[in-house]
N, C-alpha and C. Protein backbone atom coordinates (compact mmCIF):
# COMPACT_ATOMS: atom_id res chain seq x y z
N UNK A 1 37.36 -26.99 -207.11
CA UNK A 1 38.20 -26.31 -206.24
C UNK A 1 38.41 -24.78 -206.26
N UNK A 2 38.57 -24.23 -205.06
CA UNK A 2 38.76 -22.93 -204.89
C UNK A 2 39.96 -22.04 -204.88
N UNK A 3 40.23 -21.17 -205.19
CA UNK A 3 41.63 -20.46 -205.10
C UNK A 3 41.46 -19.61 -203.77
N UNK A 4 42.66 -19.70 -202.96
CA UNK A 4 42.52 -19.10 -201.72
C UNK A 4 43.27 -17.93 -201.91
N UNK A 5 42.85 -16.72 -201.34
CA UNK A 5 43.57 -15.25 -201.48
C UNK A 5 43.66 -15.07 -199.76
N UNK A 6 44.63 -14.16 -199.36
CA UNK A 6 44.80 -13.91 -198.19
C UNK A 6 44.70 -12.14 -198.31
N UNK A 7 44.04 -11.70 -197.55
CA UNK A 7 43.72 -10.28 -197.35
C UNK A 7 44.88 -9.73 -196.52
N UNK A 8 45.23 -8.31 -196.71
CA UNK A 8 46.42 -7.82 -196.30
C UNK A 8 46.25 -7.79 -194.53
N UNK A 9 44.79 -7.66 -194.03
CA UNK A 9 44.67 -7.66 -192.55
C UNK A 9 45.07 -9.19 -192.32
N UNK A 10 44.56 -10.28 -192.84
CA UNK A 10 45.02 -11.65 -192.47
C UNK A 10 46.36 -11.78 -192.37
N UNK A 11 47.09 -11.20 -193.63
CA UNK A 11 48.65 -11.44 -193.65
C UNK A 11 49.18 -10.88 -192.31
N UNK A 12 48.62 -9.87 -191.68
CA UNK A 12 49.29 -9.12 -190.73
C UNK A 12 49.00 -9.86 -189.44
N UNK A 13 47.57 -10.31 -189.35
CA UNK A 13 47.39 -11.42 -188.24
C UNK A 13 48.24 -12.90 -188.23
N UNK A 14 48.30 -13.22 -189.56
CA UNK A 14 49.38 -14.53 -189.87
C UNK A 14 50.89 -14.14 -189.26
N UNK A 15 51.45 -13.25 -189.36
CA UNK A 15 52.87 -12.62 -188.89
C UNK A 15 52.65 -12.77 -187.30
N UNK A 16 51.85 -12.08 -186.96
CA UNK A 16 51.74 -12.40 -185.23
C UNK A 16 51.80 -13.72 -184.77
N UNK A 17 51.15 -14.62 -185.70
CA UNK A 17 50.86 -15.76 -184.79
C UNK A 17 52.24 -16.99 -185.25
N UNK A 18 52.82 -16.29 -186.16
CA UNK A 18 54.43 -17.10 -186.38
C UNK A 18 55.19 -17.41 -184.75
N UNK A 19 54.94 -16.52 -183.85
CA UNK A 19 55.57 -16.55 -182.70
C UNK A 19 54.88 -17.80 -181.78
N UNK A 20 53.54 -18.13 -182.19
CA UNK A 20 53.13 -19.49 -181.64
C UNK A 20 53.02 -20.40 -182.71
N UNK A 21 54.10 -21.10 -183.09
CA UNK A 21 54.15 -22.31 -184.05
C UNK A 21 53.41 -23.32 -183.88
N UNK A 22 53.17 -23.72 -182.56
CA UNK A 22 52.07 -25.06 -182.44
C UNK A 22 50.84 -24.66 -183.13
N UNK A 23 50.41 -23.51 -183.16
CA UNK A 23 49.19 -22.98 -183.71
C UNK A 23 49.15 -22.92 -185.08
N UNK A 24 50.28 -22.73 -185.83
CA UNK A 24 50.62 -21.95 -186.95
C UNK A 24 50.02 -23.28 -188.00
N UNK A 25 50.55 -24.28 -187.59
CA UNK A 25 50.43 -25.73 -188.57
C UNK A 25 48.98 -25.80 -188.82
N UNK A 26 48.13 -25.82 -187.43
CA UNK A 26 46.78 -26.03 -187.60
C UNK A 26 46.06 -25.15 -188.25
N UNK A 27 46.28 -24.12 -188.29
CA UNK A 27 45.64 -22.89 -188.98
C UNK A 27 46.02 -22.94 -190.55
N UNK A 28 47.17 -23.15 -191.05
CA UNK A 28 47.72 -23.45 -192.37
C UNK A 28 46.81 -24.50 -192.84
N UNK A 29 46.79 -25.95 -192.09
CA UNK A 29 46.25 -27.16 -192.65
C UNK A 29 44.56 -26.71 -192.79
N UNK A 30 43.95 -25.98 -192.04
CA UNK A 30 42.47 -25.55 -192.11
C UNK A 30 42.44 -24.74 -193.65
N UNK A 31 43.18 -23.69 -193.70
CA UNK A 31 43.22 -22.78 -195.00
C UNK A 31 43.43 -23.53 -196.08
N UNK A 32 44.39 -24.52 -196.09
CA UNK A 32 44.61 -25.33 -197.19
C UNK A 32 43.27 -26.25 -197.72
N UNK A 33 42.67 -26.68 -196.57
CA UNK A 33 41.64 -27.50 -196.70
C UNK A 33 40.48 -26.78 -197.26
N UNK A 34 40.34 -25.54 -197.30
CA UNK A 34 39.17 -24.72 -197.49
C UNK A 34 39.30 -24.63 -199.36
N UNK A 35 40.29 -25.00 -199.96
CA UNK A 35 40.47 -24.86 -201.28
C UNK A 35 39.45 -26.21 -201.98
N UNK A 36 39.29 -27.26 -201.16
CA UNK A 36 38.78 -28.40 -201.73
C UNK A 36 37.36 -28.48 -201.15
N UNK A 37 36.98 -27.89 -199.95
CA UNK A 37 35.83 -27.81 -199.35
C UNK A 37 35.55 -26.64 -198.75
N UNK A 38 34.57 -25.72 -199.33
CA UNK A 38 34.63 -24.50 -198.52
C UNK A 38 33.43 -24.27 -197.62
N UNK A 39 32.78 -25.38 -197.10
CA UNK A 39 32.21 -25.36 -196.07
C UNK A 39 32.31 -26.49 -195.09
N UNK A 40 33.32 -26.98 -194.59
CA UNK A 40 33.67 -28.09 -194.15
C UNK A 40 32.94 -28.09 -192.84
N UNK A 41 33.02 -29.44 -192.25
CA UNK A 41 32.19 -29.44 -190.93
C UNK A 41 32.93 -28.79 -189.85
N UNK A 42 31.89 -28.03 -189.13
CA UNK A 42 32.50 -26.78 -188.24
C UNK A 42 32.47 -25.66 -188.68
N UNK A 43 32.38 -25.42 -190.20
CA UNK A 43 32.24 -24.05 -190.48
C UNK A 43 30.81 -23.52 -190.18
N UNK A 44 30.70 -22.35 -190.14
CA UNK A 44 29.56 -21.52 -189.50
C UNK A 44 29.63 -20.35 -190.22
N UNK A 45 28.34 -19.85 -190.53
CA UNK A 45 28.11 -18.31 -190.93
C UNK A 45 27.95 -17.34 -190.01
N UNK A 46 28.53 -16.24 -190.41
CA UNK A 46 28.54 -15.32 -189.68
C UNK A 46 27.35 -14.26 -189.92
N UNK A 47 26.48 -14.22 -188.70
CA UNK A 47 25.23 -13.62 -188.86
C UNK A 47 25.45 -12.23 -189.23
N UNK A 48 24.60 -11.71 -190.21
CA UNK A 48 24.75 -10.38 -190.60
C UNK A 48 25.56 -10.27 -192.09
N UNK A 49 26.25 -11.00 -192.45
CA UNK A 49 26.89 -11.11 -193.67
C UNK A 49 26.35 -12.22 -194.71
N UNK A 50 26.43 -11.75 -195.86
CA UNK A 50 26.01 -12.55 -196.82
C UNK A 50 26.66 -13.78 -197.15
N UNK A 51 28.10 -13.53 -197.34
CA UNK A 51 28.99 -14.84 -197.57
C UNK A 51 30.18 -14.82 -196.53
N UNK A 52 29.78 -14.49 -195.54
CA UNK A 52 30.99 -14.64 -194.63
C UNK A 52 30.97 -15.94 -193.65
N UNK A 53 31.91 -16.44 -193.34
CA UNK A 53 31.91 -17.92 -192.78
C UNK A 53 33.08 -17.90 -191.75
N UNK A 54 33.11 -18.75 -190.68
CA UNK A 54 34.07 -18.67 -189.78
C UNK A 54 34.43 -20.43 -189.39
N UNK A 55 35.69 -20.28 -189.15
CA UNK A 55 36.15 -21.92 -188.67
C UNK A 55 36.67 -21.42 -187.59
N UNK A 56 36.90 -22.47 -186.40
CA UNK A 56 37.43 -22.51 -185.12
C UNK A 56 38.58 -23.35 -185.32
N UNK A 57 39.45 -22.82 -184.61
CA UNK A 57 40.90 -23.56 -184.46
C UNK A 57 41.25 -23.11 -182.78
N UNK A 58 41.10 -23.98 -181.91
CA UNK A 58 41.25 -23.68 -180.69
C UNK A 58 40.71 -22.33 -180.37
N UNK A 59 41.41 -21.50 -179.73
CA UNK A 59 40.80 -19.96 -179.44
C UNK A 59 40.69 -19.11 -180.67
N UNK A 60 41.09 -19.55 -181.49
CA UNK A 60 41.54 -18.54 -182.75
C UNK A 60 40.22 -18.77 -183.71
N UNK A 61 39.83 -17.74 -184.73
CA UNK A 61 38.81 -18.09 -185.54
C UNK A 61 39.25 -17.36 -186.94
N UNK A 62 39.28 -18.12 -188.07
CA UNK A 62 39.62 -17.86 -189.32
C UNK A 62 38.32 -17.61 -189.93
N UNK A 63 38.28 -16.05 -190.42
CA UNK A 63 37.00 -15.75 -190.98
C UNK A 63 37.11 -15.44 -192.53
N UNK A 64 36.44 -15.80 -193.35
CA UNK A 64 36.43 -15.98 -194.82
C UNK A 64 35.48 -15.43 -195.49
N UNK A 65 35.47 -15.19 -196.64
CA UNK A 65 34.58 -14.74 -197.85
C UNK A 65 34.24 -15.91 -198.78
N UNK A 66 33.31 -16.67 -199.28
CA UNK A 66 33.15 -17.34 -200.23
C UNK A 66 32.35 -16.56 -201.75
N UNK A 67 33.31 -16.54 -202.70
CA UNK A 67 32.68 -16.14 -203.98
C UNK A 67 32.49 -17.26 -204.89
N UNK A 68 31.18 -17.69 -204.76
CA UNK A 68 30.92 -19.00 -205.63
C UNK A 68 31.20 -18.98 -207.25
N UNK A 69 31.01 -17.83 -207.80
CA UNK A 69 30.91 -17.57 -209.01
C UNK A 69 32.19 -17.67 -209.50
N UNK A 70 33.20 -17.09 -208.91
CA UNK A 70 34.64 -17.11 -209.16
C UNK A 70 35.30 -18.31 -208.85
N UNK A 71 35.00 -19.08 -207.94
CA UNK A 71 35.45 -19.94 -207.20
C UNK A 71 36.62 -19.62 -206.37
N UNK A 72 36.20 -18.64 -205.44
CA UNK A 72 37.49 -18.03 -204.75
C UNK A 72 37.20 -17.93 -203.47
N UNK A 73 38.01 -17.78 -202.37
CA UNK A 73 37.71 -17.97 -200.95
C UNK A 73 38.66 -16.69 -200.72
N UNK A 74 38.34 -15.67 -200.13
CA UNK A 74 39.34 -14.55 -199.31
C UNK A 74 39.29 -14.77 -197.90
N UNK A 75 40.51 -15.30 -197.21
CA UNK A 75 40.56 -15.06 -195.81
C UNK A 75 40.81 -13.87 -195.38
N UNK A 76 39.70 -13.35 -194.57
CA UNK A 76 39.66 -11.80 -194.02
C UNK A 76 40.52 -11.67 -192.71
N UNK A 77 40.50 -12.47 -191.75
CA UNK A 77 40.96 -12.51 -190.68
C UNK A 77 41.28 -13.77 -189.90
N UNK A 78 42.42 -13.50 -189.18
CA UNK A 78 42.72 -14.77 -188.38
C UNK A 78 42.83 -14.26 -186.69
N UNK A 79 41.83 -14.25 -185.95
CA UNK A 79 41.89 -13.78 -184.62
C UNK A 79 41.52 -14.66 -183.52
N UNK A 80 42.17 -14.10 -182.34
CA UNK A 80 41.95 -15.05 -181.24
C UNK A 80 40.46 -14.36 -181.00
N UNK A 81 39.74 -15.48 -180.33
CA UNK A 81 38.29 -14.96 -180.03
C UNK A 81 38.18 -14.06 -178.71
N UNK A 82 37.39 -12.78 -179.21
CA UNK A 82 37.27 -11.83 -177.96
C UNK A 82 35.85 -11.13 -178.56
N UNK A 83 35.48 -10.30 -177.85
CA UNK A 83 34.19 -9.47 -178.21
C UNK A 83 34.39 -8.85 -179.36
N UNK A 84 35.46 -8.68 -179.87
CA UNK A 84 35.54 -7.48 -180.92
C UNK A 84 36.14 -8.34 -182.14
N UNK A 85 36.01 -9.75 -182.13
CA UNK A 85 36.20 -10.41 -183.33
C UNK A 85 35.54 -10.20 -184.72
N UNK A 86 34.45 -10.00 -184.37
CA UNK A 86 33.49 -9.99 -185.55
C UNK A 86 32.90 -8.50 -185.86
N UNK A 87 33.66 -7.53 -185.39
CA UNK A 87 33.51 -6.09 -185.95
C UNK A 87 34.64 -5.85 -186.81
N UNK A 88 34.13 -5.68 -188.06
CA UNK A 88 35.25 -5.41 -189.22
C UNK A 88 34.53 -4.94 -190.40
């Protein structure tokens, strides 16, 4: 089991998504499922980073880091896919 932490930037992204309630439930479900499986089917490693992965939900990306030693996952961003999605 992994503990899930949400970064301040991801919290800000999450608040913006509250306007789109249909997307919100799916994203919450994906984040909850990460606690039991840090690399579910569909998770992809982000090139150029050691422990950063992404999950896709419709046109949004959930970007997170996995810390194996601490059994911890930090959700970094929840962004709509664009040219600048992975520039952080």
